[in-house]
């Protein structure tokens, strides 16, 4: 199952064409039963059975969750909430412009 999410996240990343926008190494690696997106060795997003999640500033995560656009990230039904993450439960990989914005925001948040 992890391979499925690795391929989804890798394919999404390839389709975004971010090479000219970032000064650092952005790559996908296996992460438990999913895949994680790393920027310069730090995780900034993940894609797993629960959906596509981005590590974002706390105020933005709260706004996305309060608006209903995103949900809190829990990897397990009774697990703790990963507070720095906004979870998109049914991501459409063809919505590239939308995800491009969140990848860039997640990378920018890594620099704060």
C-alpha atoms as a PDB file:
ATOM      1  CA  UNK A   1       0.000   0.000   0.000  1.00  0.00           C
ATOM      2  CA  UNK A   2       2.842   2.425   0.730  1.00  0.00           C
ATOM      3  CA  UNK A   3       3.946   2.137  -2.885  1.00  0.00           C
ATOM      4  CA  UNK A   4       0.551   3.449  -4.078  1.00  0.00           C
ATOM      5  CA  UNK A   5       0.958   6.660  -2.070  1.00  0.00           C
ATOM      6  CA  UNK A   6       4.614   6.971  -2.981  1.00  0.00           C
ATOM      7  CA  UNK A   7       3.634   6.884  -6.656  1.00  0.00           C
ATOM      8  CA  UNK A   8       0.763   9.344  -6.137  1.00  0.00           C
ATOM      9  CA  UNK A   9       2.935  11.854  -4.281  1.00  0.00           C
ATOM     10  CA  UNK A  10       5.871  11.430  -6.656  1.00  0.00           C
ATOM     11  CA  UNK A  11       3.582  11.885  -9.669  1.00  0.00           C
ATOM     12  CA  UNK A  12       2.012  14.982  -8.151  1.00  0.00           C
ATOM     13  CA  UNK A  13       5.410  16.461  -7.354  1.00  0.00           C
ATOM     14  CA  UNK A  14       6.677  15.767 -10.888  1.00  0.00           C
ATOM     15  CA  UNK A  15       3.603  17.422 -12.388  1.00  0.00           C
ATOM     16  CA  UNK A  16       4.066  20.631 -10.382  1.00  0.00           C
ATOM     17  CA  UNK A  17       7.368  21.643 -11.995  1.00  0.00           C
ATOM     18  CA  UNK A  18       8.838  23.269  -8.904  1.00  0.00           C
ATOM     19  CA  UNK A  19      12.517  22.960  -9.807  1.00  0.00           C
ATOM     20  CA  UNK A  20      12.902  26.659 -10.628  1.00  0.00           C
ATOM     21  CA  UNK A  21      10.882  27.823  -7.605  1.00  0.00           C
ATOM     22  CA  UNK A  22      12.879  26.219  -4.813  1.00  0.00           C
ATOM     23  CA  UNK A  23      16.407  26.468  -3.565  1.00  0.00           C
ATOM     24  CA  UNK A  24      16.755  23.157  -1.830  1.00  0.00           C
ATOM     25  CA  UNK A  25      16.128  19.467  -2.246  1.00  0.00           C
ATOM     26  CA  UNK A  26      12.512  18.343  -2.491  1.00  0.00           C
ATOM     27  CA  UNK A  27      11.978  14.578  -2.577  1.00  0.00           C
ATOM     28  CA  UNK A  28       9.511  11.817  -1.759  1.00  0.00           C
ATOM     29  CA  UNK A  29      10.272   8.861   0.502  1.00  0.00           C
ATOM     30  CA  UNK A  30       8.323   5.969   2.003  1.00  0.00           C
ATOM     31  CA  UNK A  31       6.689   6.868   5.317  1.00  0.00           C
ATOM     32  CA  UNK A  32       4.954   4.122   7.343  1.00  0.00           C
ATOM     33  CA  UNK A  33       2.031   3.028   5.100  1.00  0.00           C
ATOM     34  CA  UNK A  34       2.241   6.097   2.902  1.00  0.00           C
ATOM     35  CA  UNK A  35       4.699   8.576   1.479  1.00  0.00           C
ATOM     36  CA  UNK A  36       6.253  11.761   2.788  1.00  0.00           C
ATOM     37  CA  UNK A  37       7.474  14.850   0.996  1.00  0.00           C
ATOM     38  CA  UNK A  38      10.724  16.246   2.362  1.00  0.00           C
ATOM     39  CA  UNK A  39      12.392  19.571   1.789  1.00  0.00           C
ATOM     40  CA  UNK A  40      16.068  19.644   2.737  1.00  0.00           C
ATOM     41  CA  UNK A  41      15.558  16.599   4.964  1.00  0.00           C
ATOM     42  CA  UNK A  42      12.482  17.866   6.842  1.00  0.00           C
ATOM     43  CA  UNK A  43       8.989  16.507   6.259  1.00  0.00           C
ATOM     44  CA  UNK A  44       6.512  19.046   4.916  1.00  0.00           C
ATOM     45  CA  UNK A  45       3.697  16.847   3.545  1.00  0.00           C
ATOM     46  CA  UNK A  46       2.420  13.287   3.450  1.00  0.00           C
ATOM     47  CA  UNK A  47       0.004  11.181   1.446  1.00  0.00           C
ATOM     48  CA  UNK A  48      -1.516   8.106   3.037  1.00  0.00           C
ATOM     49  CA  UNK A  49      -4.810   6.274   3.353  1.00  0.00           C
ATOM     50  CA  UNK A  50      -6.239   9.220   5.323  1.00  0.00           C
ATOM     51  CA  UNK A  51      -5.429  11.729   2.553  1.00  0.00           C
ATOM     52  CA  UNK A  52      -2.922  14.395   1.555  1.00  0.00           C
ATOM     53  CA  UNK A  53      -1.606  16.498   4.447  1.00  0.00           C
ATOM     54  CA  UNK A  54       0.559  19.616   4.500  1.00  0.00           C
ATOM     55  CA  UNK A  55       2.553  21.049   7.382  1.00  0.00           C
ATOM     56  CA  UNK A  56       1.515  24.704   7.511  1.00  0.00           C
ATOM     57  CA  UNK A  57       1.560  27.617   9.946  1.00  0.00           C
ATOM     58  CA  UNK A  58      -0.823  27.076  12.858  1.00  0.00           C
ATOM     59  CA  UNK A  59      -3.175  29.933  11.951  1.00  0.00           C
ATOM     60  CA  UNK A  60      -3.585  28.645   8.399  1.00  0.00           C
ATOM     61  CA  UNK A  61      -4.238  25.086   9.599  1.00  0.00           C
ATOM     62  CA  UNK A  62      -6.955  26.381  11.942  1.00  0.00           C
ATOM     63  CA  UNK A  63      -8.541  28.485   9.181  1.00  0.00           C
ATOM     64  CA  UNK A  64      -8.600  25.555   6.725  1.00  0.00           C
ATOM     65  CA  UNK A  65     -10.137  23.240   9.318  1.00  0.00           C
ATOM     66  CA  UNK A  66     -12.676  25.844  10.502  1.00  0.00           C
ATOM     67  CA  UNK A  67     -13.748  26.518   6.903  1.00  0.00           C
ATOM     68  CA  UNK A  68     -14.270  22.800   6.265  1.00  0.00           C
ATOM     69  CA  UNK A  69     -11.739  22.743   3.429  1.00  0.00           C
ATOM     70  CA  UNK A  70      -9.398  20.524   5.459  1.00  0.00           C
ATOM     71  CA  UNK A  71      -9.614  18.240   8.474  1.00  0.00           C
ATOM     72  CA  UNK A  72      -7.311  17.579  11.421  1.00  0.00           C
ATOM     73  CA  UNK A  73      -4.656  14.954  10.646  1.00  0.00           C
ATOM     74  CA  UNK A  74      -4.850  11.683  12.549  1.00  0.00           C
ATOM     75  CA  UNK A  75      -3.043   8.665  11.163  1.00  0.00           C
ATOM     76  CA  UNK A  76      -5.095   6.310  13.355  1.00  0.00           C
ATOM     77  CA  UNK A  77      -8.759   6.609  14.466  1.00  0.00           C
ATOM     78  CA  UNK A  78      -7.866   7.073  18.141  1.00  0.00           C
ATOM     79  CA  UNK A  79      -4.461   8.619  17.490  1.00  0.00           C
ATOM     80  CA  UNK A  80      -3.455  12.095  18.466  1.00  0.00           C
ATOM     81  CA  UNK A  81      -4.004  15.042  16.138  1.00  0.00           C
ATOM     82  CA  UNK A  82      -0.913  16.293  14.307  1.00  0.00           C
ATOM     83  CA  UNK A  83      -1.604  19.968  15.035  1.00  0.00           C
ATOM     84  CA  UNK A  84       0.669  21.507  12.399  1.00  0.00           C
ATOM     85  CA  UNK A  85      -1.018  19.671   9.530  1.00  0.00           C
ATOM     86  CA  UNK A  86      -4.063  20.321   7.355  1.00  0.00           C
ATOM     87  CA  UNK A  87      -5.507  17.128   5.894  1.00  0.00           C
ATOM     88  CA  UNK A  88      -7.270  17.015   2.544  1.00  0.00           C
ATOM     89  CA  UNK A  89      -9.192  13.749   2.746  1.00  0.00           C
ATOM     90  CA  UNK A  90     -10.103  13.247  -0.926  1.00  0.00           C
ATOM     91  CA  UNK A  91      -7.376  15.009  -2.902  1.00  0.00           C
ATOM     92  CA  UNK A  92      -7.773  15.385  -6.639  1.00  0.00           C
ATOM     93  CA  UNK A  93      -4.249  15.004  -8.080  1.00  0.00           C
ATOM     94  CA  UNK A  94      -5.337  16.809 -11.239  1.00  0.00           C
ATOM     95  CA  UNK A  95      -5.932  20.017  -9.269  1.00  0.00           C
ATOM     96  CA  UNK A  96      -2.248  20.907  -9.713  1.00  0.00           C
ATOM     97  CA  UNK A  97      -2.515  24.665  -9.144  1.00  0.00           C
ATOM     98  CA  UNK A  98      -4.193  24.065  -5.795  1.00  0.00           C
ATOM     99  CA  UNK A  99      -1.549  21.595  -4.596  1.00  0.00           C
ATOM    100  CA  UNK A 100       1.310  23.692  -5.977  1.00  0.00           C
ATOM    101  CA  UNK A 101       0.258  26.525  -3.657  1.00  0.00           C
ATOM    102  CA  UNK A 102       0.214  24.204  -0.641  1.00  0.00           C
ATOM    103  CA  UNK A 103       3.582  22.627  -1.433  1.00  0.00           C
ATOM    104  CA  UNK A 104       5.138  26.095  -1.700  1.00  0.00           C
ATOM    105  CA  UNK A 105       3.437  27.182   1.550  1.00  0.00           C
ATOM    106  CA  UNK A 106       4.633  24.053   3.328  1.00  0.00           C
ATOM    107  CA  UNK A 107       8.206  24.629   2.137  1.00  0.00           C
ATOM    108  CA  UNK A 108       8.031  28.290   3.191  1.00  0.00           C
ATOM    109  CA  UNK A 109       6.760  27.211   6.634  1.00  0.00           C
ATOM    110  CA  UNK A 110       9.883  25.050   7.008  1.00  0.00           C
ATOM    111  CA  UNK A 111      11.989  28.190   6.850  1.00  0.00           C
ATOM    112  CA  UNK A 112      10.163  29.956   9.713  1.00  0.00           C
END
